[in-house]
């Protein structure tokens, strides 16, 4: 059976799939969706260390009850941006006033410079459009090798 040639007209399904693919690519490439504030970071002290060949970000919380989580990393040309969320403790509970160290591994090799961005949320507040604030710039550690398994 001979194949029929199309006469330059695209099929509706092909057009629809092309539009969906284009919109998907544009939304994936546009803006990355991470909101950053120009205001300085004002939460608990943040430091960074190189442990087992990777950057580890440390939050020194003023009391128990804080949580500290890695949200995402974004590779840039000469560094990696690291985005974390610190959540305050439940105000309805009593919390011991003692410094508590929270360590979060970033999976970013210590041989790569990082910019650390942190947002601080209230207890029970859902993460949404709250901006991240730059808390720390960490240079690359020369000669740092990832840990061998």
C-alpha atoms as a PDB file:
ATOM      1  CA  UNK A   1       0.000   0.000   0.000  1.00  0.00           C
ATOM      2  CA  UNK A   2       1.559   3.313  -1.024  1.00  0.00           C
ATOM      3  CA  UNK A   3       2.112   5.924   1.676  1.00  0.00           C
ATOM      4  CA  UNK A   4       0.167   9.143   1.403  1.00  0.00           C
ATOM      5  CA  UNK A   5       2.179  12.308   1.515  1.00  0.00           C
ATOM      6  CA  UNK A   6       0.949  15.187   3.553  1.00  0.00           C
ATOM      7  CA  UNK A   7       0.398  18.378   1.637  1.00  0.00           C
ATOM      8  CA  UNK A   8       2.186  20.719   4.023  1.00  0.00           C
ATOM      9  CA  UNK A   9      -0.536  20.689   6.653  1.00  0.00           C
ATOM     10  CA  UNK A  10       0.327  19.574  10.154  1.00  0.00           C
ATOM     11  CA  UNK A  11      -2.018  17.271  11.984  1.00  0.00           C
ATOM     12  CA  UNK A  12      -3.788  18.781  15.026  1.00  0.00           C
ATOM     13  CA  UNK A  13      -2.214  16.221  17.376  1.00  0.00           C
ATOM     14  CA  UNK A  14       1.292  17.094  16.151  1.00  0.00           C
ATOM     15  CA  UNK A  15       0.642  20.811  16.616  1.00  0.00           C
ATOM     16  CA  UNK A  16      -0.712  20.234  20.126  1.00  0.00           C
ATOM     17  CA  UNK A  17       2.280  18.104  21.143  1.00  0.00           C
ATOM     18  CA  UNK A  18       4.678  20.711  19.745  1.00  0.00           C
ATOM     19  CA  UNK A  19       2.990  23.480  21.736  1.00  0.00           C
ATOM     20  CA  UNK A  20       3.086  21.421  24.957  1.00  0.00           C
ATOM     21  CA  UNK A  21       6.790  20.641  24.438  1.00  0.00           C
ATOM     22  CA  UNK A  22       7.638  24.309  23.789  1.00  0.00           C
ATOM     23  CA  UNK A  23       5.745  25.517  26.874  1.00  0.00           C
ATOM     24  CA  UNK A  24       7.424  22.850  29.011  1.00  0.00           C
ATOM     25  CA  UNK A  25      10.891  23.827  27.813  1.00  0.00           C
ATOM     26  CA  UNK A  26      10.248  27.538  28.318  1.00  0.00           C
ATOM     27  CA  UNK A  27       8.899  27.076  31.849  1.00  0.00           C
ATOM     28  CA  UNK A  28      11.836  24.837  32.780  1.00  0.00           C
ATOM     29  CA  UNK A  29      14.368  27.389  31.564  1.00  0.00           C
ATOM     30  CA  UNK A  30      12.703  30.564  32.813  1.00  0.00           C
ATOM     31  CA  UNK A  31      13.848  32.102  36.071  1.00  0.00           C
ATOM     32  CA  UNK A  32      14.326  28.863  38.028  1.00  0.00           C
ATOM     33  CA  UNK A  33      11.586  29.942  40.421  1.00  0.00           C
ATOM     34  CA  UNK A  34      13.824  30.690  43.410  1.00  0.00           C
ATOM     35  CA  UNK A  35      13.044  34.031  45.035  1.00  0.00           C
ATOM     36  CA  UNK A  36      16.048  35.862  46.482  1.00  0.00           C
ATOM     37  CA  UNK A  37      16.013  38.961  48.656  1.00  0.00           C
ATOM     38  CA  UNK A  38      18.625  41.708  48.647  1.00  0.00           C
ATOM     39  CA  UNK A  39      18.133  42.091  52.415  1.00  0.00           C
ATOM     40  CA  UNK A  40      20.858  40.563  54.588  1.00  0.00           C
ATOM     41  CA  UNK A  41      20.299  37.250  56.358  1.00  0.00           C
ATOM     42  CA  UNK A  42      19.199  37.805  59.963  1.00  0.00           C
ATOM     43  CA  UNK A  43      18.670  34.333  61.413  1.00  0.00           C
ATOM     44  CA  UNK A  44      20.827  32.148  63.662  1.00  0.00           C
ATOM     45  CA  UNK A  45      24.547  31.945  62.804  1.00  0.00           C
ATOM     46  CA  UNK A  46      25.441  29.927  59.692  1.00  0.00           C
ATOM     47  CA  UNK A  47      28.873  28.447  59.005  1.00  0.00           C
ATOM     48  CA  UNK A  48      30.234  25.888  56.558  1.00  0.00           C
ATOM     49  CA  UNK A  49      32.795  23.106  56.777  1.00  0.00           C
ATOM     50  CA  UNK A  50      34.340  20.617  54.394  1.00  0.00           C
ATOM     51  CA  UNK A  51      33.591  17.108  55.650  1.00  0.00           C
ATOM     52  CA  UNK A  52      34.436  13.965  53.666  1.00  0.00           C
ATOM     53  CA  UNK A  53      35.135  16.063  50.572  1.00  0.00           C
ATOM     54  CA  UNK A  54      31.768  17.867  50.586  1.00  0.00           C
ATOM     55  CA  UNK A  55      30.446  21.196  51.839  1.00  0.00           C
ATOM     56  CA  UNK A  56      28.396  20.894  55.027  1.00  0.00           C
ATOM     57  CA  UNK A  57      26.338  23.895  56.170  1.00  0.00           C
ATOM     58  CA  UNK A  58      25.950  24.363  59.931  1.00  0.00           C
ATOM     59  CA  UNK A  59      23.156  26.237  61.716  1.00  0.00           C
ATOM     60  CA  UNK A  60      23.892  27.093  65.351  1.00  0.00           C
ATOM     61  CA  UNK A  61      20.346  27.371  66.727  1.00  0.00           C
ATOM     62  CA  UNK A  62      19.764  29.248  70.015  1.00  0.00           C
ATOM     63  CA  UNK A  63      17.466  26.508  71.371  1.00  0.00           C
ATOM     64  CA  UNK A  64      16.158  23.040  70.666  1.00  0.00           C
ATOM     65  CA  UNK A  65      13.189  22.682  68.328  1.00  0.00           C
ATOM     66  CA  UNK A  66      14.680  24.276  65.219  1.00  0.00           C
ATOM     67  CA  UNK A  67      14.807  22.314  61.967  1.00  0.00           C
ATOM     68  CA  UNK A  68      17.238  22.884  59.093  1.00  0.00           C
ATOM     69  CA  UNK A  69      16.772  21.349  55.653  1.00  0.00           C
ATOM     70  CA  UNK A  70      18.374  21.456  52.214  1.00  0.00           C
ATOM     71  CA  UNK A  71      15.837  22.571  49.611  1.00  0.00           C
ATOM     72  CA  UNK A  72      17.923  22.519  46.430  1.00  0.00           C
ATOM     73  CA  UNK A  73      21.225  23.323  44.780  1.00  0.00           C
ATOM     74  CA  UNK A  74      21.784  25.153  41.505  1.00  0.00           C
ATOM     75  CA  UNK A  75      25.005  24.880  39.540  1.00  0.00           C
ATOM     76  CA  UNK A  76      26.292  28.204  38.222  1.00  0.00           C
ATOM     77  CA  UNK A  77      29.341  28.890  36.034  1.00  0.00           C
ATOM     78  CA  UNK A  78      31.922  29.324  38.825  1.00  0.00           C
ATOM     79  CA  UNK A  79      30.058  28.153  41.953  1.00  0.00           C
ATOM     80  CA  UNK A  80      26.968  26.349  43.226  1.00  0.00           C
ATOM     81  CA  UNK A  81      24.064  28.083  44.965  1.00  0.00           C
ATOM     82  CA  UNK A  82      22.746  26.157  47.978  1.00  0.00           C
ATOM     83  CA  UNK A  83      19.219  26.883  49.255  1.00  0.00           C
ATOM     84  CA  UNK A  84      18.201  25.890  52.792  1.00  0.00           C
ATOM     85  CA  UNK A  85      15.231  26.463  55.101  1.00  0.00           C
ATOM     86  CA  UNK A  86      15.473  26.993  58.859  1.00  0.00           C
ATOM     87  CA  UNK A  87      12.197  26.616  60.756  1.00  0.00           C
ATOM     88  CA  UNK A  88      11.677  28.138  64.198  1.00  0.00           C
ATOM     89  CA  UNK A  89      10.496  25.927  67.072  1.00  0.00           C
ATOM     90  CA  UNK A  90       6.864  25.560  68.118  1.00  0.00           C
ATOM     91  CA  UNK A  91       6.119  28.579  70.365  1.00  0.00           C
ATOM     92  CA  UNK A  92       3.508  26.584  72.309  1.00  0.00           C
ATOM     93  CA  UNK A  93       6.201  24.272  73.668  1.00  0.00           C
ATOM     94  CA  UNK A  94       8.957  24.934  76.183  1.00  0.00           C
ATOM     95  CA  UNK A  95      12.437  24.722  74.721  1.00  0.00           C
ATOM     96  CA  UNK A  96      15.753  24.465  76.504  1.00  0.00           C
ATOM     97  CA  UNK A  97      17.872  27.552  75.860  1.00  0.00           C
ATOM     98  CA  UNK A  98      21.031  25.845  74.690  1.00  0.00           C
ATOM     99  CA  UNK A  99      23.010  26.118  71.482  1.00  0.00           C
ATOM    100  CA  UNK A 100      22.114  23.284  69.129  1.00  0.00           C
ATOM    101  CA  UNK A 101      24.245  22.458  66.113  1.00  0.00           C
ATOM    102  CA  UNK A 102      22.408  21.358  62.940  1.00  0.00           C
ATOM    103  CA  UNK A 103      24.554  20.014  60.080  1.00  0.00           C
ATOM    104  CA  UNK A 104      23.221  19.632  56.542  1.00  0.00           C
ATOM    105  CA  UNK A 105      25.249  17.926  53.831  1.00  0.00           C
ATOM    106  CA  UNK A 106      24.987  19.612  50.446  1.00  0.00           C
ATOM    107  CA  UNK A 107      26.429  16.919  48.124  1.00  0.00           C
ATOM    108  CA  UNK A 108      28.481  19.763  46.574  1.00  0.00           C
ATOM    109  CA  UNK A 109      32.186  18.862  46.370  1.00  0.00           C
ATOM    110  CA  UNK A 110      34.385  20.999  48.619  1.00  0.00           C
ATOM    111  CA  UNK A 111      36.483  21.761  45.527  1.00  0.00           C
ATOM    112  CA  UNK A 112      33.559  23.915  44.275  1.00  0.00           C
ATOM    113  CA  UNK A 113      32.766  27.368  45.701  1.00  0.00           C
ATOM    114  CA  UNK A 114      29.249  27.781  47.128  1.00  0.00           C
ATOM    115  CA  UNK A 115      26.879  30.643  47.880  1.00  0.00           C
ATOM    116  CA  UNK A 116      24.565  29.721  50.763  1.00  0.00           C
ATOM    117  CA  UNK A 117      21.027  31.140  50.802  1.00  0.00           C
ATOM    118  CA  UNK A 118      18.740  30.604  53.799  1.00  0.00           C
ATOM    119  CA  UNK A 119      15.131  31.480  54.559  1.00  0.00           C
ATOM    120  CA  UNK A 120      13.690  31.368  58.069  1.00  0.00           C
ATOM    121  CA  UNK A 121      10.096  30.197  58.508  1.00  0.00           C
ATOM    122  CA  UNK A 122       7.846  30.333  61.553  1.00  0.00           C
ATOM    123  CA  UNK A 123       6.696  27.035  63.051  1.00  0.00           C
ATOM    124  CA  UNK A 124       3.869  25.622  60.913  1.00  0.00           C
ATOM    125  CA  UNK A 125       4.441  28.117  58.083  1.00  0.00           C
ATOM    126  CA  UNK A 126       4.315  26.471  54.687  1.00  0.00           C
ATOM    127  CA  UNK A 127       7.177  27.128  52.314  1.00  0.00           C
ATOM    128  CA  UNK A 128       5.975  29.227  49.421  1.00  0.00           C
ATOM    129  CA  UNK A 129       7.163  32.485  48.011  1.00  0.00           C
ATOM    130  CA  UNK A 130       9.316  33.501  50.985  1.00  0.00           C
ATOM    131  CA  UNK A 131      12.638  34.746  49.626  1.00  0.00           C
ATOM    132  CA  UNK A 132      16.017  33.260  50.427  1.00  0.00           C
ATOM    133  CA  UNK A 133      18.719  35.579  51.752  1.00  0.00           C
ATOM    134  CA  UNK A 134      22.421  35.182  51.145  1.00  0.00           C
ATOM    135  CA  UNK A 135      23.961  34.003  54.411  1.00  0.00           C
ATOM    136  CA  UNK A 136      27.425  32.904  53.407  1.00  0.00           C
ATOM    137  CA  UNK A 137      29.977  32.708  50.595  1.00  0.00           C
ATOM    138  CA  UNK A 138      32.299  29.739  50.826  1.00  0.00           C
ATOM    139  CA  UNK A 139      35.397  29.505  48.613  1.00  0.00           C
ATOM    140  CA  UNK A 140      36.479  26.264  47.011  1.00  0.00           C
ATOM    141  CA  UNK A 141      38.838  24.160  49.086  1.00  0.00           C
ATOM    142  CA  UNK A 142      41.948  23.572  46.957  1.00  0.00           C
ATOM    143  CA  UNK A 143      42.830  19.926  46.530  1.00  0.00           C
ATOM    144  CA  UNK A 144      39.639  18.667  48.217  1.00  0.00           C
ATOM    145  CA  UNK A 145      38.818  15.164  47.068  1.00  0.00           C
ATOM    146  CA  UNK A 146      35.444  13.455  47.519  1.00  0.00           C
ATOM    147  CA  UNK A 147      35.416  10.600  50.020  1.00  0.00           C
ATOM    148  CA  UNK A 148      35.998   7.181  48.487  1.00  0.00           C
ATOM    149  CA  UNK A 149      33.485   4.442  49.172  1.00  0.00           C
END
